[in-house]
Amino acid sequence: MKPLHPPAAHAFLQANPRAVLIDCRSEIEFYFVGHPIGAHHVAWSDGPDWSIDADSFVAQVRALASEGCAVLLICRSGNRSADAAVALERAGFGNVYNVVHGFEGELDANNHRGTLSGWRHDGLPWEQS
């Protein structure tokens, strides 16, 4: 797994149109908080039980990503996506990237996200749907 900060991840996606961006946050986060434009939603864990099914996750990503193409993973802060990236590498994916700081970034001194780092903080294209 290779780390990419959000601006570098966006530039990578622009330069590599076959690359796939997977947003592995929950469905609620993806639709109500927002997500990078063009991201595919494949939850690493989701409600109501928040269990992780790595095999199902890998199968869903495999259905979206053609063999050999780069897969970029993003979550809220870069932690879940790092775990998901490890699962993809164990399953044989060889070109996996983790978006450092994720969509919303690290917590600030007031426990708020989006003020220090992250895709949205960096002014990169996103949508809410």
C-alpha atoms as a PDB file:
ATOM      1  CA  MET A   1       0.000   0.000   0.000  1.00  0.00           C
ATOM      2  CA  LYS A   2       1.279   3.384  -0.967  1.00  0.00           C
ATOM      3  CA  PRO A   3       0.137   6.538   0.848  1.00  0.00           C
ATOM      4  CA  LEU A   4      -1.109   9.556  -1.091  1.00  0.00           C
ATOM      5  CA  HIS A   5      -2.231  12.859   0.406  1.00  0.00           C
ATOM      6  CA  PRO A   6      -5.516  14.116  -1.054  1.00  0.00           C
ATOM      7  CA  PRO A   7      -4.055  16.563  -3.619  1.00  0.00           C
ATOM      8  CA  ALA A   8      -1.661  13.875  -4.886  1.00  0.00           C
ATOM      9  CA  ALA A   9      -4.509  11.340  -4.988  1.00  0.00           C
ATOM     10  CA  HIS A  10      -6.640  13.717  -7.048  1.00  0.00           C
ATOM     11  CA  ALA A  11      -3.753  14.379  -9.441  1.00  0.00           C
ATOM     12  CA  PHE A  12      -3.105  10.628  -9.704  1.00  0.00           C
ATOM     13  CA  LEU A  13      -6.747   9.983 -10.615  1.00  0.00           C
ATOM     14  CA  GLN A  14      -6.647  12.717 -13.259  1.00  0.00           C
ATOM     15  CA  ALA A  15      -3.473  11.267 -14.789  1.00  0.00           C
ATOM     16  CA  ASN A  16      -4.675   7.639 -14.607  1.00  0.00           C
ATOM     17  CA  PRO A  17      -8.258   7.394 -15.896  1.00  0.00           C
ATOM     18  CA  ARG A  18      -8.343   3.599 -15.380  1.00  0.00           C
ATOM     19  CA  ALA A  19      -7.652   4.036 -11.656  1.00  0.00           C
ATOM     20  CA  VAL A  20     -10.596   3.380  -9.348  1.00  0.00           C
ATOM     21  CA  LEU A  21     -11.398   5.427  -6.244  1.00  0.00           C
ATOM     22  CA  ILE A  22     -13.204   3.414  -3.568  1.00  0.00           C
ATOM     23  CA  ASP A  23     -14.849   5.224  -0.655  1.00  0.00           C
ATOM     24  CA  CYS A  24     -15.019   2.607   2.088  1.00  0.00           C
ATOM     25  CA  ARG A  25     -16.971   4.615   4.668  1.00  0.00           C
ATOM     26  CA  SER A  26     -20.471   3.669   5.760  1.00  0.00           C
ATOM     27  CA  GLU A  27     -23.412   4.323   3.484  1.00  0.00           C
ATOM     28  CA  ILE A  28     -24.590   7.173   5.727  1.00  0.00           C
ATOM     29  CA  GLU A  29     -21.198   8.880   5.600  1.00  0.00           C
ATOM     30  CA  PHE A  30     -20.937   8.459   1.839  1.00  0.00           C
ATOM     31  CA  TYR A  31     -24.359   9.911   1.036  1.00  0.00           C
ATOM     32  CA  PHE A  32     -24.922  12.456   3.810  1.00  0.00           C
ATOM     33  CA  VAL A  33     -21.424  13.785   4.586  1.00  0.00           C
ATOM     34  CA  GLY A  34     -20.383  13.765   0.946  1.00  0.00           C
ATOM     35  CA  HIS A  35     -17.783  11.989  -1.158  1.00  0.00           C
ATOM     36  CA  PRO A  36     -15.216  12.678  -3.846  1.00  0.00           C
ATOM     37  CA  ILE A  37     -16.773  13.031  -7.282  1.00  0.00           C
ATOM     38  CA  GLY A  38     -16.418   9.747  -9.146  1.00  0.00           C
ATOM     39  CA  ALA A  39     -15.855   7.624  -6.036  1.00  0.00           C
ATOM     40  CA  HIS A  40     -17.456   4.196  -5.851  1.00  0.00           C
ATOM     41  CA  HIS A  41     -18.991   3.246  -2.521  1.00  0.00           C
ATOM     42  CA  VAL A  42     -17.937  -0.098  -1.048  1.00  0.00           C
ATOM     43  CA  ALA A  43     -18.264  -0.088   2.750  1.00  0.00           C
ATOM     44  CA  TRP A  44     -15.511  -1.709   4.797  1.00  0.00           C
ATOM     45  CA  SER A  45     -18.027  -1.970   7.641  1.00  0.00           C
ATOM     46  CA  ASP A  46     -21.568  -0.689   7.933  1.00  0.00           C
ATOM     47  CA  GLY A  47     -24.569  -0.721  10.235  1.00  0.00           C
ATOM     48  CA  PRO A  48     -26.462  -2.106  11.862  1.00  0.00           C
ATOM     49  CA  ASP A  49     -23.845  -4.520  13.237  1.00  0.00           C
ATOM     50  CA  TRP A  50     -20.671  -2.824  11.873  1.00  0.00           C
ATOM     51  CA  SER A  51     -19.032  -6.168  11.183  1.00  0.00           C
ATOM     52  CA  ILE A  52     -16.200  -6.438   8.679  1.00  0.00           C
ATOM     53  CA  ASP A  53     -16.479  -8.952   5.859  1.00  0.00           C
ATOM     54  CA  ALA A  54     -13.148  -8.658   4.073  1.00  0.00           C
ATOM     55  CA  ASP A  55     -14.077 -11.330   1.516  1.00  0.00           C
ATOM     56  CA  SER A  56     -17.222  -9.458   0.480  1.00  0.00           C
ATOM     57  CA  PHE A  57     -15.323  -6.175   0.347  1.00  0.00           C
ATOM     58  CA  VAL A  58     -12.629  -7.678  -1.881  1.00  0.00           C
ATOM     59  CA  ALA A  59     -15.240  -9.242  -4.181  1.00  0.00           C
ATOM     60  CA  GLN A  60     -17.064  -5.919  -4.601  1.00  0.00           C
ATOM     61  CA  VAL A  61     -13.829  -4.065  -5.378  1.00  0.00           C
ATOM     62  CA  ARG A  62     -12.798  -6.806  -7.807  1.00  0.00           C
ATOM     63  CA  ALA A  63     -16.084  -6.229  -9.669  1.00  0.00           C
ATOM     64  CA  LEU A  64     -15.250  -2.514 -10.056  1.00  0.00           C
ATOM     65  CA  ALA A  65     -11.517  -2.618 -10.752  1.00  0.00           C
ATOM     66  CA  SER A  66     -10.100  -4.219 -13.862  1.00  0.00           C
ATOM     67  CA  GLU A  67      -7.068  -6.411 -13.300  1.00  0.00           C
ATOM     68  CA  GLY A  68      -3.874  -4.453 -12.796  1.00  0.00           C
ATOM     69  CA  CYS A  69      -5.470  -1.030 -12.462  1.00  0.00           C
ATOM     70  CA  ALA A  70      -4.673   1.184  -9.492  1.00  0.00           C
ATOM     71  CA  VAL A  71      -7.130   1.177  -6.600  1.00  0.00           C
ATOM     72  CA  LEU A  72      -7.257   4.208  -4.316  1.00  0.00           C
ATOM     73  CA  LEU A  73      -9.071   3.908  -1.007  1.00  0.00           C
ATOM     74  CA  ILE A  74     -10.509   6.738   1.055  1.00  0.00           C
ATOM     75  CA  CYS A  75     -12.439   6.817   4.321  1.00  0.00           C
ATOM     76  CA  ARG A  76     -13.074   9.527   6.908  1.00  0.00           C
ATOM     77  CA  SER A  77      -9.504   9.884   8.220  1.00  0.00           C
ATOM     78  CA  GLY A  78      -7.383   7.258   6.439  1.00  0.00           C
ATOM     79  CA  ASN A  79      -7.562   4.527   9.073  1.00  0.00           C
ATOM     80  CA  ARG A  80     -10.332   2.246   7.781  1.00  0.00           C
ATOM     81  CA  SER A  81      -9.020   2.645   4.261  1.00  0.00           C
ATOM     82  CA  ALA A  82      -5.580   1.480   5.428  1.00  0.00           C
ATOM     83  CA  ASP A  83      -7.139  -1.703   6.839  1.00  0.00           C
ATOM     84  CA  ALA A  84      -9.130  -2.203   3.638  1.00  0.00           C
ATOM     85  CA  ALA A  85      -5.963  -1.710   1.583  1.00  0.00           C
ATOM     86  CA  VAL A  86      -4.232  -4.490   3.512  1.00  0.00           C
ATOM     87  CA  ALA A  87      -7.148  -6.818   2.727  1.00  0.00           C
ATOM     88  CA  LEU A  88      -6.890  -5.988  -0.979  1.00  0.00           C
ATOM     89  CA  GLU A  89      -3.139  -6.622  -1.001  1.00  0.00           C
ATOM     90  CA  ARG A  90      -3.634  -9.965   0.750  1.00  0.00           C
ATOM     91  CA  ALA A  91      -6.158 -10.822  -1.980  1.00  0.00           C
ATOM     92  CA  GLY A  92      -3.583 -10.161  -4.694  1.00  0.00           C
ATOM     93  CA  PHE A  93      -4.172  -6.533  -5.638  1.00  0.00           C
ATOM     94  CA  GLY A  94      -0.774  -5.103  -6.448  1.00  0.00           C
ATOM     95  CA  ASN A  95      -1.400  -1.409  -7.039  1.00  0.00           C
ATOM     96  CA  VAL A  96      -3.199  -0.139  -3.916  1.00  0.00           C
ATOM     97  CA  TYR A  97      -3.086   3.398  -2.503  1.00  0.00           C
ATOM     98  CA  ASN A  98      -4.437   4.824   0.741  1.00  0.00           C
ATOM     99  CA  VAL A  99      -5.593   8.453   0.794  1.00  0.00           C
ATOM    100  CA  VAL A 100      -3.881   9.838   3.901  1.00  0.00           C
ATOM    101  CA  HIS A 101      -6.186  11.960   6.102  1.00  0.00           C
ATOM    102  CA  GLY A 102      -9.203  10.664   4.160  1.00  0.00           C
ATOM    103  CA  PHE A 103     -12.224  12.767   3.286  1.00  0.00           C
ATOM    104  CA  GLU A 104     -12.635  14.682   6.554  1.00  0.00           C
ATOM    105  CA  GLY A 105      -9.129  14.692   8.037  1.00  0.00           C
ATOM    106  CA  GLU A 106      -7.766  14.524  11.541  1.00  0.00           C
ATOM    107  CA  LEU A 107      -9.439  15.831  14.681  1.00  0.00           C
ATOM    108  CA  ASP A 108      -8.517  19.360  15.743  1.00  0.00           C
ATOM    109  CA  ALA A 109      -8.171  20.581  19.352  1.00  0.00           C
ATOM    110  CA  ASN A 110     -11.980  20.863  19.572  1.00  0.00           C
ATOM    111  CA  ASN A 111     -12.537  17.323  18.239  1.00  0.00           C
ATOM    112  CA  HIS A 112     -13.818  18.626  14.899  1.00  0.00           C
ATOM    113  CA  ARG A 113     -12.853  17.216  11.538  1.00  0.00           C
ATOM    114  CA  GLY A 114     -12.372  19.130   8.317  1.00  0.00           C
ATOM    115  CA  THR A 115     -10.371  21.999   9.778  1.00  0.00           C
ATOM    116  CA  LEU A 116      -6.862  20.535   9.495  1.00  0.00           C
ATOM    117  CA  SER A 117      -6.700  18.151   6.575  1.00  0.00           C
ATOM    118  CA  GLY A 118      -8.629  15.855   4.260  1.00  0.00           C
ATOM    119  CA  TRP A 119     -10.066  15.783   0.748  1.00  0.00           C
ATOM    120  CA  ARG A 120     -12.791  18.320   1.497  1.00  0.00           C
ATOM    121  CA  HIS A 121     -10.457  20.608   3.496  1.00  0.00           C
ATOM    122  CA  ASP A 122      -8.029  20.664   0.571  1.00  0.00           C
ATOM    123  CA  GLY A 123     -10.771  21.995  -1.733  1.00  0.00           C
ATOM    124  CA  LEU A 124     -10.886  18.962  -4.000  1.00  0.00           C
ATOM    125  CA  PRO A 125     -14.081  18.146  -5.963  1.00  0.00           C
ATOM    126  CA  TRP A 126     -16.792  16.439  -3.946  1.00  0.00           C
ATOM    127  CA  GLU A 127     -20.538  16.060  -3.915  1.00  0.00           C
ATOM    128  CA  GLN A 128     -23.306  15.228  -1.525  1.00  0.00           C
ATOM    129  CA  SER A 129     -26.127  12.964  -2.640  1.00  0.00           C
END
